[in-house]
Amino acid sequence: MTPTERLSPIEVLLVEDDPGDVLMTREAFEEHKVNNRLAVVSDGAEALAYLRQEGEYSDAVRPDLILLDLNLPRRDGREVLAEIKADEELRRIPVVVLTTSAADEDILRSYSLHANAYVTKPVDFEQFITVVRQIDDFFVSVVRLPPRVDR
C-alpha cells in the first residue's frame, strides 16, 4: 500500500442519537485534520435507508466504515448490525460498535452478529476524542478497506 492510498479519505457513517456524542465525534474528526467525510443519522431505520440509498438518501455515498451505537430509536443497533451483515451488498462494510454499554452480553452478541470491533465510549471528553482518533487512524492508516461499491 502506498502512502497516498493509506491516507485517502474514507466515507464514515455515524449512527448515533445522542447529539453530544455526535458533536464530540465531529470534533475528533476535525481536530485530527483528516479529510474523511462523516455522515450522521440518528436512528436505526434511518441508517438502513441511508445504507440502502432509499428515499432522501438515494444519492448517499456508500460508507467505507460504520460507527454504530447500540441503543437507538426506531431500530435498535443490534437489529441494524444483523441486517447489515445479512445483506450481500452491505456485509463487507466494517462496523465498529461504539456504545456506552460495557456489558458482556452486548459485546458477545455484537461479535456474534459479526461486528468488526466493539468499543465502549469513554465518558471523559478527551478520552472520547482519543478513542475516535484511534479508530480513524486504524481504518485509514492500518487496515486495507474493501473497494466501495455504489449502486
Protein backbone atom coordinates (compact mmCIF):
# COMPACT_ATOMS: atom_id res chain seq x y z
CA MET A 1 0.00 0.00 0.00
CA THR A 2 1.45 3.35 -0.98
CA PRO A 3 1.37 6.32 1.42
CA THR A 4 -1.17 8.02 -0.85
CA GLU A 5 -3.51 5.03 -0.70
CA ARG A 6 -3.21 4.87 3.08
CA LEU A 7 -4.11 8.49 3.54
CA SER A 8 -7.00 8.62 1.09
CA PRO A 9 -10.11 9.97 2.79
CA ILE A 10 -12.82 7.49 3.62
CA GLU A 11 -16.58 7.80 3.95
CA VAL A 12 -17.75 7.19 7.53
CA LEU A 13 -21.36 6.75 8.62
CA LEU A 14 -22.01 7.55 12.28
CA VAL A 15 -25.27 6.07 13.58
CA GLU A 16 -25.82 7.94 16.84
CA ASP A 17 -28.86 9.50 18.52
CA ASP A 18 -27.02 11.46 21.23
CA PRO A 19 -26.29 14.99 19.93
CA GLY A 20 -23.39 15.36 22.40
CA ASP A 21 -21.69 12.21 21.09
CA VAL A 22 -22.26 13.36 17.51
CA LEU A 23 -20.62 16.70 18.33
CA MET A 24 -17.64 15.04 20.04
CA THR A 25 -17.18 12.66 17.09
CA ARG A 26 -17.28 15.57 14.63
CA GLU A 27 -14.74 17.45 16.78
CA ALA A 28 -12.46 14.40 16.88
CA PHE A 29 -12.52 14.18 13.09
CA GLU A 30 -11.93 17.93 12.69
CA GLU A 31 -9.15 18.12 15.30
CA HIS A 32 -7.44 15.17 13.70
CA LYS A 33 -7.17 17.09 10.42
CA VAL A 34 -8.31 14.13 8.36
CA ASN A 35 -10.46 14.76 5.33
CA ASN A 36 -12.73 11.80 5.98
CA ARG A 37 -16.36 12.57 5.29
CA LEU A 38 -18.60 11.96 8.30
CA ALA A 39 -22.29 11.43 7.57
CA VAL A 40 -24.62 11.16 10.55
CA VAL A 41 -28.01 9.52 11.00
CA SER A 42 -29.83 9.41 14.31
CA ASP A 43 -31.76 6.14 14.36
CA GLY A 44 -31.64 2.58 13.10
CA ALA A 45 -34.34 2.93 10.45
CA GLU A 46 -32.59 5.99 9.03
CA ALA A 47 -29.28 4.07 9.00
CA LEU A 48 -30.74 1.26 6.90
CA ALA A 49 -32.39 3.74 4.50
CA TYR A 50 -29.02 5.53 4.14
CA LEU A 51 -27.14 2.30 3.51
CA ARG A 52 -29.71 1.07 1.00
CA GLN A 53 -29.81 4.51 -0.65
CA GLU A 54 -33.58 4.79 -0.24
CA GLY A 55 -35.82 7.86 -0.14
CA GLU A 56 -33.99 11.04 0.84
CA TYR A 57 -30.73 9.04 0.79
CA SER A 58 -30.96 7.96 -2.86
CA ASP A 59 -27.77 9.92 -3.59
CA ALA A 60 -25.92 8.88 -0.43
CA VAL A 61 -22.40 7.57 -0.86
CA ARG A 62 -21.99 4.05 0.46
CA PRO A 63 -19.70 4.33 3.52
CA ASP A 64 -16.33 2.64 3.92
CA LEU A 65 -16.84 2.37 7.69
CA ILE A 66 -19.85 2.43 10.03
CA LEU A 67 -19.68 3.62 13.64
CA LEU A 68 -22.81 2.16 15.23
CA ASP A 69 -24.39 2.87 18.61
CA LEU A 70 -26.44 0.01 20.03
CA ASN A 71 -29.19 1.91 21.84
CA LEU A 72 -31.07 3.65 19.04
CA PRO A 73 -34.67 4.70 18.48
CA ARG A 74 -36.90 3.03 15.88
CA ARG A 75 -34.47 0.20 15.05
CA ASP A 76 -32.04 -0.99 17.70
CA GLY A 77 -28.34 -1.06 16.78
CA ARG A 78 -28.28 -4.85 17.16
CA GLU A 79 -31.06 -5.16 14.57
CA VAL A 80 -29.20 -2.78 12.25
CA LEU A 81 -25.98 -4.78 12.65
CA ALA A 82 -27.81 -8.05 11.92
CA GLU A 83 -29.39 -6.58 8.77
CA ILE A 84 -26.11 -5.13 7.54
CA LYS A 85 -24.26 -8.41 7.95
CA ALA A 86 -27.11 -10.41 6.36
CA ASP A 87 -27.15 -8.18 3.26
CA GLU A 88 -24.90 -9.33 0.41
CA GLU A 89 -24.19 -5.72 -0.67
CA LEU A 90 -23.57 -4.28 2.81
CA ARG A 91 -21.85 -7.04 4.78
CA ARG A 92 -18.32 -6.16 3.65
CA ILE A 93 -18.55 -2.67 5.21
CA PRO A 94 -16.69 -2.78 8.54
CA VAL A 95 -18.91 -1.98 11.50
CA VAL A 96 -17.43 -0.67 14.74
CA VAL A 97 -19.91 -0.78 17.59
CA LEU A 98 -19.28 2.44 19.52
CA THR A 99 -21.53 2.42 22.57
CA THR A 100 -21.76 3.19 26.27
CA SER A 101 -22.50 -0.43 27.15
CA ALA A 102 -19.68 -2.48 28.63
CA ALA A 103 -22.00 -5.45 29.28
CA ASP A 104 -20.55 -8.82 28.33
CA GLU A 105 -23.92 -9.74 26.82
CA ASP A 106 -23.78 -6.79 24.40
CA ILE A 107 -20.16 -7.49 23.50
CA LEU A 108 -20.82 -11.19 22.82
CA ARG A 109 -23.99 -10.50 20.85
CA SER A 110 -22.30 -7.83 18.74
CA TYR A 111 -19.45 -10.15 17.79
CA SER A 112 -21.94 -12.98 17.16
CA LEU A 113 -23.63 -10.62 14.72
CA HIS A 114 -20.22 -10.10 13.05
CA ALA A 115 -19.27 -6.66 14.33
CA ASN A 116 -15.71 -5.89 13.27
CA ALA A 117 -14.89 -4.23 16.58
CA TYR A 118 -16.57 -3.26 19.84
CA VAL A 119 -15.53 -0.05 21.59
CA THR A 120 -17.01 1.27 24.81
CA LYS A 121 -17.37 5.06 24.71
CA PRO A 122 -15.37 6.81 27.40
CA VAL A 123 -17.35 9.42 29.34
CA ASP A 124 -14.38 11.80 29.51
CA PHE A 125 -14.28 14.21 26.55
CA GLU A 126 -10.52 13.94 25.92
CA GLN A 127 -10.60 10.14 26.14
CA PHE A 128 -13.58 10.04 23.77
CA ILE A 129 -11.67 12.18 21.25
CA THR A 130 -8.64 9.88 21.62
CA VAL A 131 -10.73 6.74 21.02
CA VAL A 132 -12.39 8.17 17.90
CA ARG A 133 -8.98 9.26 16.58
CA GLN A 134 -7.58 5.76 17.17
CA ILE A 135 -10.49 4.18 15.29
CA ASP A 136 -9.95 6.66 12.48
CA ASP A 137 -6.18 6.03 12.42
CA PHE A 138 -6.65 2.29 12.36
CA PHE A 139 -9.12 2.26 9.48
CA VAL A 140 -7.28 4.91 7.44
CA SER A 141 -3.63 4.06 8.08
CA VAL A 142 -3.51 0.38 9.03
CA VAL A 143 -6.43 -1.51 7.54
CA ARG A 144 -6.95 -2.10 3.85
CA LEU A 145 -10.68 -1.49 3.29
CA PRO A 146 -12.64 -3.22 0.56
CA PRO A 147 -13.32 -1.13 -2.54
CA ARG A 148 -16.50 0.94 -2.30
CA VAL A 149 -19.34 -0.44 -4.42
CA ASP A 150 -22.10 2.12 -5.01
CA ARG A 151 -25.35 1.09 -6.57
